[in-house]
Protein backbone atom coordinates (compact mmCIF):
# COMPACT_ATOMS: atom_id res chain seq x y z
CA MET A 1 65.08 -144.77 101.88
CA ILE A 2 68.34 -144.16 103.76
CA PRO A 3 68.53 -145.92 107.15
CA ARG A 4 68.89 -143.36 109.93
CA LYS A 5 71.95 -145.06 111.36
CA VAL A 6 73.81 -145.05 108.04
CA THR A 7 75.00 -141.60 107.12
CA ILE A 8 76.61 -140.19 104.01
CA GLN A 9 79.61 -139.17 106.11
CA LYS A 10 80.16 -142.76 107.28
CA TRP A 11 80.13 -144.00 103.69
CA ALA A 12 82.57 -141.28 102.66
CA ARG A 13 84.91 -142.36 105.44
CA PHE A 14 84.67 -145.98 104.28
CA LEU A 15 85.83 -144.92 100.84
CA ALA A 16 88.46 -142.62 102.38
CA LEU A 17 87.21 -139.82 100.13
CA PRO A 18 87.45 -136.12 100.94
CA GLN A 19 84.23 -134.54 102.17
CA LEU A 20 82.44 -132.45 99.61
CA GLY A 21 83.03 -128.76 100.15
CA PRO A 22 81.37 -125.69 98.73
CA ALA A 23 82.28 -124.72 95.21
CA PRO A 24 84.74 -121.87 95.10
CA SER A 25 83.07 -118.58 94.27
CA ILE A 26 83.76 -117.18 90.84
CA ALA A 27 83.30 -113.50 90.11
CA LEU A 28 80.95 -113.32 87.15
CA ALA A 29 80.01 -110.36 85.04
CA MET A 30 77.00 -112.24 83.72
CA SER A 31 73.60 -111.09 84.93
CA GLU A 32 72.23 -112.93 87.94
CA THR A 33 69.04 -113.58 86.01
CA ASN A 34 70.92 -116.25 84.09
CA PHE A 35 70.92 -118.34 87.27
CA VAL A 36 67.27 -117.94 88.29
CA THR A 37 65.30 -117.79 85.04
CA PRO A 38 62.65 -120.57 85.01
CA ARG A 39 63.03 -123.20 82.31
CA ALA A 40 60.53 -125.25 80.30
CA ASP A 41 60.35 -127.84 83.09
CA GLY A 42 60.26 -125.21 85.85
CA ARG A 43 63.85 -125.66 87.05
CA ARG A 44 66.20 -122.86 87.96
CA ALA A 45 69.28 -122.46 85.79
CA ASP A 46 71.45 -124.03 88.51
CA GLN A 47 69.08 -126.92 89.30
CA ILE A 48 69.69 -130.47 88.10
CA ARG A 49 66.86 -132.77 87.10
CA PRO A 50 65.47 -135.18 89.70
CA VAL A 51 67.91 -138.08 90.12
CA ARG A 52 66.93 -141.60 91.09
CA PHE A 53 68.89 -144.85 91.34
CA GLN A 54 67.46 -148.37 91.33
CA ASN A 55 70.28 -150.65 92.42
CA HIS A 56 70.74 -154.37 91.61
CA ILE A 57 68.52 -154.10 88.53
CA ALA A 58 70.62 -156.65 86.62
CA PRO A 59 70.87 -159.76 88.84
CA HIS A 60 73.72 -161.41 86.90
CA ALA A 61 75.94 -158.33 87.00
CA THR A 62 78.41 -157.96 89.86
CA GLY A 63 77.01 -154.47 90.42
CA SER A 64 74.25 -152.59 88.63
CA THR A 65 71.95 -149.60 88.80
CA LEU A 66 69.32 -147.87 86.74
CA ILE A 67 69.95 -144.14 86.88
CA GLU A 68 67.16 -141.73 86.02
CA CYS A 69 67.99 -138.07 85.41
CA GLY A 70 64.63 -136.56 84.61
CA GLN A 71 63.43 -138.49 81.55
CA THR A 72 66.88 -139.88 80.71
CA ARG A 73 67.26 -143.47 81.91
CA VAL A 74 70.43 -145.58 81.66
CA ILE A 75 71.18 -149.08 82.95
CA CYS A 76 74.77 -149.37 84.18
CA GLY A 77 76.10 -152.85 84.84
CA VAL A 78 79.54 -154.04 85.98
CA THR A 79 80.96 -157.50 85.38
CA ILE A 80 84.36 -158.93 86.29
CA GLU A 81 86.83 -161.01 84.30
CA GLU A 82 89.67 -162.63 86.21
CA THR A 83 92.18 -161.70 83.55
CA VAL A 84 93.66 -158.60 81.95
CA PRO A 85 93.85 -157.46 78.31
CA ARG A 86 96.49 -159.04 76.13
CA TRP A 87 98.45 -155.80 75.81
CA MET A 88 98.86 -155.65 79.60
CA LYS A 89 100.25 -159.19 79.67
CA GLU A 90 102.65 -158.42 76.83
CA GLN A 91 103.89 -155.24 78.52
CA GLY A 92 104.04 -156.85 81.95
CA ALA A 93 101.82 -154.09 83.34
CA ALA A 94 100.89 -154.48 87.00
CA GLY A 95 97.34 -154.39 88.32
CA GLY A 96 94.07 -154.56 86.46
CA TRP A 97 92.03 -152.63 83.93
CA VAL A 98 88.67 -150.88 83.65
CA THR A 99 86.91 -150.51 80.31
CA ALA A 100 83.42 -149.57 79.15
CA GLU A 101 80.84 -150.09 76.44
CA TYR A 102 77.92 -147.77 75.66
CA SER A 103 74.88 -148.12 73.46
CA MET A 104 71.49 -146.56 72.89
CA LEU A 105 68.70 -149.10 72.62
CA PRO A 106 66.60 -148.83 69.46
CA TYR A 107 63.55 -147.58 71.39
CA SER A 108 65.43 -145.03 73.51
CA THR A 109 64.59 -142.20 71.10
CA LEU A 110 61.37 -141.02 69.45
CA GLN A 111 62.47 -142.48 66.13
CA ARG A 112 63.98 -145.96 66.19
CA LYS A 113 67.76 -145.92 66.39
CA ALA A 114 69.38 -148.76 64.47
CA ARG A 115 71.70 -151.01 66.43
CA ASP A 116 75.40 -150.65 65.69
CA ILE A 117 75.59 -154.33 64.72
CA SER A 118 73.10 -153.70 61.90
CA LYS A 119 75.51 -151.12 60.44
CA GLY A 120 78.50 -153.42 60.72
CA LYS A 121 80.55 -150.99 62.81
CA LEU A 122 80.46 -149.07 66.06
CA ASP A 123 78.87 -145.65 65.77
CA GLY A 124 81.49 -142.88 66.15
CA ARG A 125 79.48 -141.16 68.89
CA SER A 126 79.09 -144.41 70.85
CA GLN A 127 82.82 -145.07 70.57
CA GLU A 128 83.65 -141.59 71.85
CA ILE A 129 81.27 -141.92 74.79
CA GLN A 130 82.40 -145.37 75.89
CA ARG A 131 86.01 -144.23 75.85
CA LEU A 132 85.00 -141.28 78.02
CA ILE A 133 83.22 -143.58 80.48
CA GLY A 134 86.26 -145.86 80.63
CA ARG A 135 88.62 -142.96 81.32
CA ALA A 136 86.34 -141.65 84.04
CA MET A 137 85.99 -145.02 85.78
CA ARG A 138 89.74 -145.66 85.67
CA THR A 139 90.19 -142.41 87.57
CA ALA A 140 87.99 -143.86 90.31
CA VAL A 141 90.17 -146.96 90.79
CA ASP A 142 93.68 -147.74 92.00
CA LEU A 143 94.44 -150.27 89.27
CA GLU A 144 97.25 -151.95 91.23
CA LYS A 145 94.93 -152.61 94.19
CA LEU A 146 92.39 -154.02 91.74
CA GLY A 147 94.74 -156.88 90.94
CA PRO A 148 95.01 -158.81 87.66
CA ARG A 149 91.37 -158.55 86.62
CA THR A 150 89.28 -156.54 84.19
CA ILE A 151 86.19 -154.56 85.15
CA TRP A 152 83.67 -154.19 82.34
CA VAL A 153 81.23 -151.30 82.63
CA ASP A 154 78.24 -151.62 80.29
CA CYS A 155 75.88 -148.66 79.83
CA ASP A 156 72.63 -149.08 77.90
CA VAL A 157 70.35 -146.10 77.34
CA LEU A 158 66.68 -146.99 77.84
CA GLN A 159 65.35 -143.49 77.29
CA ALA A 160 67.20 -140.46 75.96
CA ASP A 161 66.23 -136.93 76.92
CA GLY A 162 69.63 -135.26 76.92
CA GLY A 163 72.72 -135.97 79.02
CA THR A 164 72.96 -139.71 78.35
CA ARG A 165 76.76 -139.75 78.56
CA THR A 166 76.84 -137.80 81.82
CA ALA A 167 74.10 -139.96 83.34
CA ALA A 168 76.02 -143.05 82.24
CA ILE A 169 79.16 -141.85 84.03
CA THR A 170 77.29 -140.92 87.21
CA GLY A 171 75.45 -144.24 87.25
CA SER A 172 78.56 -146.23 86.38
CA TYR A 173 80.30 -145.08 89.54
CA VAL A 174 77.40 -146.38 91.64
CA ALA A 175 77.43 -149.74 89.82
CA LEU A 176 81.22 -149.91 90.17
CA THR A 177 81.04 -149.28 93.90
CA LEU A 178 78.39 -151.96 94.35
CA ALA A 179 80.62 -154.39 92.44
CA VAL A 180 83.64 -153.55 94.62
CA GLN A 181 81.54 -154.06 97.76
CA LYS A 182 80.58 -157.52 96.50
CA LEU A 183 84.17 -158.46 95.65
CA ILE A 184 85.30 -157.40 99.13
CA ALA A 185 82.47 -159.34 100.77
CA GLN A 186 83.45 -162.43 98.76
CA GLY A 187 87.09 -162.07 99.77
CA ARG A 188 88.20 -161.57 96.16
CA LEU A 189 89.55 -158.14 97.08
CA THR A 190 91.47 -157.54 100.28
CA GLN A 191 91.87 -153.79 99.75
CA ASN A 192 89.32 -151.24 98.62
CA PRO A 193 90.62 -149.97 95.25
CA LEU A 194 88.25 -146.99 95.02
CA VAL A 195 90.06 -143.68 95.36
CA ASN A 196 87.62 -141.12 93.91
CA ALA A 197 83.90 -140.73 93.51
CA ILE A 198 83.08 -139.61 89.98
CA ALA A 199 80.10 -137.74 88.55
CA ALA A 200 79.33 -135.82 85.37
CA VAL A 201 76.86 -133.18 84.21
CA SER A 202 76.09 -131.18 81.09
CA VAL A 203 76.04 -127.39 80.98
CA GLY A 204 75.48 -124.93 78.18
CA ILE A 205 74.50 -121.52 76.95
CA VAL A 206 70.86 -121.34 75.84
CA ASN A 207 69.38 -118.03 74.68
CA GLY A 208 72.44 -116.28 76.06
CA GLY A 209 72.15 -117.72 79.57
CA ALA A 210 74.13 -120.48 81.32
CA LEU A 211 72.13 -123.59 82.25
CA CYS A 212 73.00 -126.77 84.14
CA ASP A 213 71.92 -130.32 83.22
CA LEU A 214 70.35 -129.73 79.81
CA CYS A 215 67.33 -131.74 78.72
CA TYR A 216 66.91 -132.58 75.03
CA THR A 217 65.00 -129.45 73.99
CA GLU A 218 67.62 -127.27 75.69
CA ASP A 219 70.47 -129.29 74.22
CA VAL A 220 69.28 -128.86 70.63
CA ALA A 221 68.74 -125.12 71.20
CA ALA A 222 72.10 -124.54 72.90
CA GLN A 223 74.57 -122.09 71.44
CA VAL A 224 77.29 -123.74 73.54
CA ASP A 225 77.31 -127.33 74.77
CA MET A 226 79.70 -128.66 77.43
CA ASN A 227 80.10 -131.85 79.47
CA LEU A 228 82.03 -131.86 82.74
CA VAL A 229 83.41 -134.92 84.53
CA MET A 230 84.82 -134.36 88.02
CA THR A 231 86.06 -136.18 91.10
CA SER A 232 84.74 -135.78 94.63
CA GLY A 233 87.97 -133.90 95.36
CA GLY A 234 86.90 -131.16 92.96
CA GLU A 235 89.34 -132.05 90.18
CA PHE A 236 88.40 -132.20 86.51
CA ILE A 237 88.71 -135.45 84.59
CA GLU A 238 87.35 -134.13 81.35
CA VAL A 239 85.92 -130.90 79.96
CA GLN A 240 84.20 -131.30 76.59
CA GLY A 241 82.96 -127.97 75.29
CA THR A 242 82.12 -126.56 71.89
CA GLY A 243 80.30 -123.67 70.32
CA GLU A 244 77.38 -124.74 68.13
CA GLU A 245 77.73 -122.23 65.29
CA SER A 246 78.68 -119.76 67.99
CA THR A 247 81.55 -118.68 70.24
CA PHE A 248 81.61 -118.14 73.98
CA SER A 249 83.39 -115.71 76.25
CA GLU A 250 85.61 -116.31 79.26
CA THR A 251 82.79 -115.00 81.44
CA GLN A 252 80.35 -117.52 79.96
CA LEU A 253 82.92 -120.29 80.43
CA ALA A 254 83.31 -119.32 84.09
CA ALA A 255 79.53 -119.33 84.51
CA MET A 256 79.22 -122.81 83.01
CA LEU A 257 82.05 -124.16 85.16
CA GLN A 258 80.45 -122.75 88.28
CA LEU A 259 77.06 -124.24 87.44
CA GLY A 260 78.67 -127.55 86.49
CA ARG A 261 80.58 -127.77 89.76
CA SER A 262 77.37 -127.12 91.69
CA GLY A 263 75.48 -129.75 89.69
CA ILE A 264 78.19 -132.35 90.19
CA GLN A 265 78.20 -131.76 93.95
CA GLN A 266 74.47 -132.48 93.95
CA LEU A 267 75.05 -135.69 91.98
CA LEU A 268 77.87 -136.81 94.26
CA ALA A 269 75.60 -136.30 97.26
CA ALA A 270 72.89 -138.39 95.56
CA GLN A 271 75.41 -141.15 94.87
CA GLN A 272 76.59 -141.18 98.46
CA ALA A 273 73.03 -141.30 99.75
CA VAL A 274 72.01 -144.29 97.65
CA LEU A 275 75.26 -146.13 98.42
CA ALA A 276 74.85 -145.52 102.13
CA ALA A 277 71.49 -147.25 101.86
CA ALA A 278 72.82 -150.18 99.81
């Protein structure tokens, strides 16, 4: 529960982030029914799943949270190493580094998913996702203000029901912020290195209509699947979109971007609320 005296606006000012504004309107030729048609779980097309954060779930991490987006649940933990990667030392690069690892626990899906270590190599999908998380989190941080240290962001999927990579990114920002707060409180950081809040959401075309925040059944039925990662300033970090044995029009792309922007604003507000209460 958010204390009455601690407001989202105060937290935003602490981070020196721009206030969230309304998404710019986009003229769409697509029927309005694509935005209001009820879905299997009763949501509107523009409605994200219920989001919940449980902070400090990993006591030994510098910052951690369990993010729940509907039935998708991901633990995001941040740890700190007081050193930088070898390549940074060799190149004399200033500042620090942020990197990530991602995995799906064997029991996160209906059928057991083998651990990467049992296969002797990192799964290609896991590698792609952890690189995406790392890129997103580096956008959140002024690496020079971070100083010569490495931030490790570990994301472990407890339960998968679609959107695990986007949930991991949204939760990672909360865990990262909690870690930065702790470093500042300990005097290990003298400046706040956070420059952007980051959130991500999935969108897609299902049965010809644009939907936001796809659950698993919608994801597997989607003709078009897209993941959006954005900053609190409304800028894109990454747009991953592909037609699944289908193509999509400019109008459909505009519809997905509009829904995605709206969903990300809702997620950013949820992040700010839980951080204001931390």
